[in-house]
């Protein structure tokens, strides 16, 4: 069962969102917006994890090299 609800926002916020929304329904627009935010967050987190892994790997290489000498 799909029920409806109301989200209260300032008029200025609604005007800004309406200009981005175009002809889409509010549901389509907001779901697309949420999807894009989630995609960007995943991309950011993947980048952070990649940097952390690279840093850890370099640290291990240096420690191994130091033990050899």
N, C-alpha and C. Protein backbone atom coordinates (compact mmCIF):
# COMPACT_ATOMS: atom_id res chain seq x y z
N UNK A 1 0.83 -1.17 0.00
CA UNK A 1 0.00 0.00 0.00
C UNK A 1 0.89 1.25 0.00
N UNK A 2 0.69 2.11 -0.95
CA UNK A 2 1.45 3.35 -1.03
C UNK A 2 0.66 4.47 -0.38
N UNK A 3 1.22 5.06 0.63
CA UNK A 3 0.57 6.20 1.26
C UNK A 3 1.35 7.45 0.90
N UNK A 4 0.70 8.57 1.05
CA UNK A 4 1.34 9.84 0.75
C UNK A 4 1.65 10.58 2.04
N UNK A 5 2.62 11.47 1.95
CA UNK A 5 3.00 12.28 3.10
C UNK A 5 3.37 13.68 2.61
N UNK A 6 3.56 14.57 3.52
CA UNK A 6 3.94 15.94 3.19
C UNK A 6 5.27 16.25 3.84
N UNK A 7 6.13 16.90 3.10
CA UNK A 7 7.41 17.36 3.64
C UNK A 7 7.38 18.88 3.62
N UNK A 8 7.56 19.49 4.77
CA UNK A 8 7.51 20.94 4.87
C UNK A 8 8.90 21.51 4.62
N UNK A 9 8.98 22.41 3.64
CA UNK A 9 10.24 23.09 3.32
C UNK A 9 9.94 24.57 3.10
N UNK A 10 10.96 25.38 3.17
CA UNK A 10 10.80 26.80 2.88
C UNK A 10 10.46 26.98 1.40
N UNK A 11 9.72 28.05 1.11
CA UNK A 11 9.32 28.35 -0.27
C UNK A 11 10.52 28.45 -1.20
N UNK A 12 11.58 29.08 -0.71
CA UNK A 12 12.79 29.24 -1.51
C UNK A 12 13.38 27.88 -1.89
N UNK A 13 13.39 26.96 -0.92
CA UNK A 13 13.90 25.61 -1.18
C UNK A 13 13.04 24.92 -2.22
N UNK A 14 11.72 25.05 -2.10
CA UNK A 14 10.81 24.40 -3.05
C UNK A 14 11.01 24.97 -4.45
N UNK A 15 11.15 26.27 -4.57
CA UNK A 15 11.38 26.88 -5.90
C UNK A 15 12.67 26.36 -6.52
N UNK A 16 13.72 26.23 -5.71
CA UNK A 16 15.00 25.72 -6.22
C UNK A 16 14.84 24.28 -6.70
N UNK A 17 14.18 23.46 -5.88
CA UNK A 17 13.97 22.06 -6.25
C UNK A 17 13.08 21.94 -7.49
N UNK A 18 12.03 22.77 -7.58
CA UNK A 18 11.14 22.73 -8.74
C UNK A 18 11.89 23.08 -10.02
N UNK A 19 12.85 23.99 -9.93
CA UNK A 19 13.60 24.35 -11.13
C UNK A 19 14.48 23.19 -11.60
N UNK A 20 14.93 22.36 -10.68
CA UNK A 20 15.73 21.19 -11.04
C UNK A 20 14.86 20.02 -11.47
N UNK A 21 13.69 19.92 -10.90
CA UNK A 21 12.78 18.80 -11.10
C UNK A 21 12.22 18.75 -12.52
N UNK A 22 11.93 19.90 -13.08
CA UNK A 22 11.35 19.92 -14.42
C UNK A 22 10.00 19.24 -14.46
N UNK A 23 9.80 18.35 -15.46
CA UNK A 23 8.50 17.69 -15.65
C UNK A 23 8.36 16.39 -14.86
N UNK A 24 9.40 15.99 -14.15
CA UNK A 24 9.33 14.75 -13.38
C UNK A 24 8.36 14.91 -12.22
N UNK A 25 7.81 13.78 -11.76
CA UNK A 25 7.01 13.82 -10.54
C UNK A 25 7.97 14.02 -9.37
N UNK A 26 7.41 14.46 -8.24
CA UNK A 26 8.26 14.63 -7.07
C UNK A 26 8.90 13.31 -6.67
N UNK A 27 8.14 12.22 -6.75
CA UNK A 27 8.69 10.91 -6.40
C UNK A 27 9.87 10.55 -7.29
N UNK A 28 9.70 10.69 -8.59
CA UNK A 28 10.79 10.37 -9.53
C UNK A 28 12.01 11.24 -9.26
N UNK A 29 11.77 12.53 -9.10
CA UNK A 29 12.86 13.46 -8.88
C UNK A 29 13.63 13.16 -7.59
N UNK A 30 12.90 12.99 -6.49
CA UNK A 30 13.56 12.76 -5.20
C UNK A 30 14.27 11.42 -5.17
N UNK A 31 13.68 10.39 -5.76
CA UNK A 31 14.36 9.08 -5.80
C UNK A 31 15.63 9.16 -6.63
N UNK A 32 15.58 9.89 -7.74
CA UNK A 32 16.77 10.08 -8.57
C UNK A 32 17.84 10.87 -7.81
N UNK A 33 17.41 11.87 -7.07
CA UNK A 33 18.33 12.68 -6.27
C UNK A 33 19.00 11.83 -5.19
N UNK A 34 18.23 11.01 -4.50
CA UNK A 34 18.77 10.13 -3.46
C UNK A 34 19.76 9.14 -4.08
N UNK A 35 19.40 8.60 -5.22
CA UNK A 35 20.27 7.64 -5.91
C UNK A 35 21.62 8.28 -6.26
N UNK A 36 21.58 9.51 -6.74
CA UNK A 36 22.81 10.22 -7.09
C UNK A 36 23.67 10.51 -5.87
N UNK A 37 23.05 10.91 -4.77
CA UNK A 37 23.79 11.16 -3.53
C UNK A 37 24.45 9.87 -3.05
N UNK A 38 23.72 8.77 -3.09
CA UNK A 38 24.29 7.49 -2.67
C UNK A 38 25.46 7.08 -3.57
N UNK A 39 25.32 7.29 -4.87
CA UNK A 39 26.39 6.96 -5.81
C UNK A 39 27.64 7.78 -5.49
N UNK A 40 27.47 9.07 -5.25
CA UNK A 40 28.61 9.94 -4.94
C UNK A 40 29.28 9.55 -3.62
N UNK A 41 28.48 9.17 -2.63
CA UNK A 41 29.04 8.74 -1.35
C UNK A 41 29.83 7.44 -1.51
N UNK A 42 29.29 6.50 -2.28
CA UNK A 42 30.02 5.24 -2.52
C UNK A 42 31.34 5.51 -3.23
N UNK A 43 31.30 6.39 -4.22
CA UNK A 43 32.51 6.75 -4.96
C UNK A 43 33.55 7.38 -4.03
N UNK A 44 33.11 8.28 -3.17
CA UNK A 44 34.00 8.95 -2.21
C UNK A 44 34.60 7.92 -1.24
N UNK A 45 33.75 7.01 -0.74
CA UNK A 45 34.24 5.99 0.19
C UNK A 45 35.20 5.03 -0.47
N UNK A 46 34.93 4.65 -1.73
CA UNK A 46 35.86 3.78 -2.46
C UNK A 46 37.22 4.46 -2.61
N UNK A 47 37.19 5.75 -2.90
CA UNK A 47 38.43 6.50 -3.06
C UNK A 47 39.21 6.55 -1.74
N UNK A 48 38.51 6.79 -0.64
CA UNK A 48 39.16 6.83 0.68
C UNK A 48 39.76 5.47 1.02
N UNK A 49 38.99 4.40 0.77
CA UNK A 49 39.49 3.06 1.06
C UNK A 49 40.71 2.74 0.21
N UNK A 50 40.67 3.15 -1.04
CA UNK A 50 41.79 2.91 -1.93
C UNK A 50 43.05 3.61 -1.42
N UNK A 51 42.90 4.85 -0.98
CA UNK A 51 44.03 5.60 -0.44
C UNK A 51 44.56 4.95 0.84
N UNK A 52 43.64 4.49 1.70
CA UNK A 52 44.05 3.84 2.94
C UNK A 52 44.81 2.54 2.64
N UNK A 53 44.31 1.78 1.69
CA UNK A 53 44.97 0.52 1.33
C UNK A 53 46.35 0.80 0.75
N UNK A 54 46.43 1.79 -0.11
CA UNK A 54 47.72 2.15 -0.71
C UNK A 54 48.71 2.58 0.37
N UNK A 55 48.26 3.39 1.32
CA UNK A 55 49.13 3.86 2.40
C UNK A 55 49.60 2.68 3.25
N UNK A 56 48.69 1.77 3.59
CA UNK A 56 49.08 0.60 4.38
C UNK A 56 50.06 -0.27 3.62
N UNK A 57 49.85 -0.45 2.33
CA UNK A 57 50.73 -1.26 1.51
C UNK A 57 52.13 -0.65 1.47
N UNK A 58 52.21 0.65 1.30
CA UNK A 58 53.51 1.33 1.27
C UNK A 58 54.22 1.18 2.62
N UNK A 59 53.47 1.26 3.71
CA UNK A 59 54.05 1.12 5.04
C UNK A 59 54.63 -0.29 5.21
N UNK A 60 53.92 -1.29 4.75
CA UNK A 60 54.40 -2.67 4.84
C UNK A 60 55.67 -2.85 4.01
N UNK A 61 55.68 -2.27 2.79
CA UNK A 61 56.88 -2.37 1.94
C UNK A 61 58.09 -1.74 2.62
N UNK A 62 57.89 -0.59 3.25
CA UNK A 62 59.00 0.10 3.91
C UNK A 62 59.50 -0.71 5.10
N UNK A 63 58.58 -1.25 5.89
CA UNK A 63 59.00 -2.07 7.05
C UNK A 63 59.77 -3.30 6.59
N UNK A 64 59.33 -3.94 5.52
CA UNK A 64 60.02 -5.11 4.99
C UNK A 64 61.42 -4.73 4.52
N UNK A 65 61.50 -3.60 3.82
CA UNK A 65 62.79 -3.12 3.33
C UNK A 65 63.72 -2.82 4.49
N UNK A 66 63.19 -2.18 5.55
CA UNK A 66 64.00 -1.83 6.72
C UNK A 66 64.54 -3.08 7.42
N UNK A 67 63.76 -4.14 7.48
CA UNK A 67 64.22 -5.37 8.12
C UNK A 67 65.34 -6.02 7.31
N UNK A 68 65.32 -5.84 6.02
CA UNK A 68 66.35 -6.44 5.16
C UNK A 68 67.69 -5.75 5.35
N UNK A 69 67.67 -4.49 5.77
CA UNK A 69 68.91 -3.73 5.91
C UNK A 69 69.09 -3.31 7.29
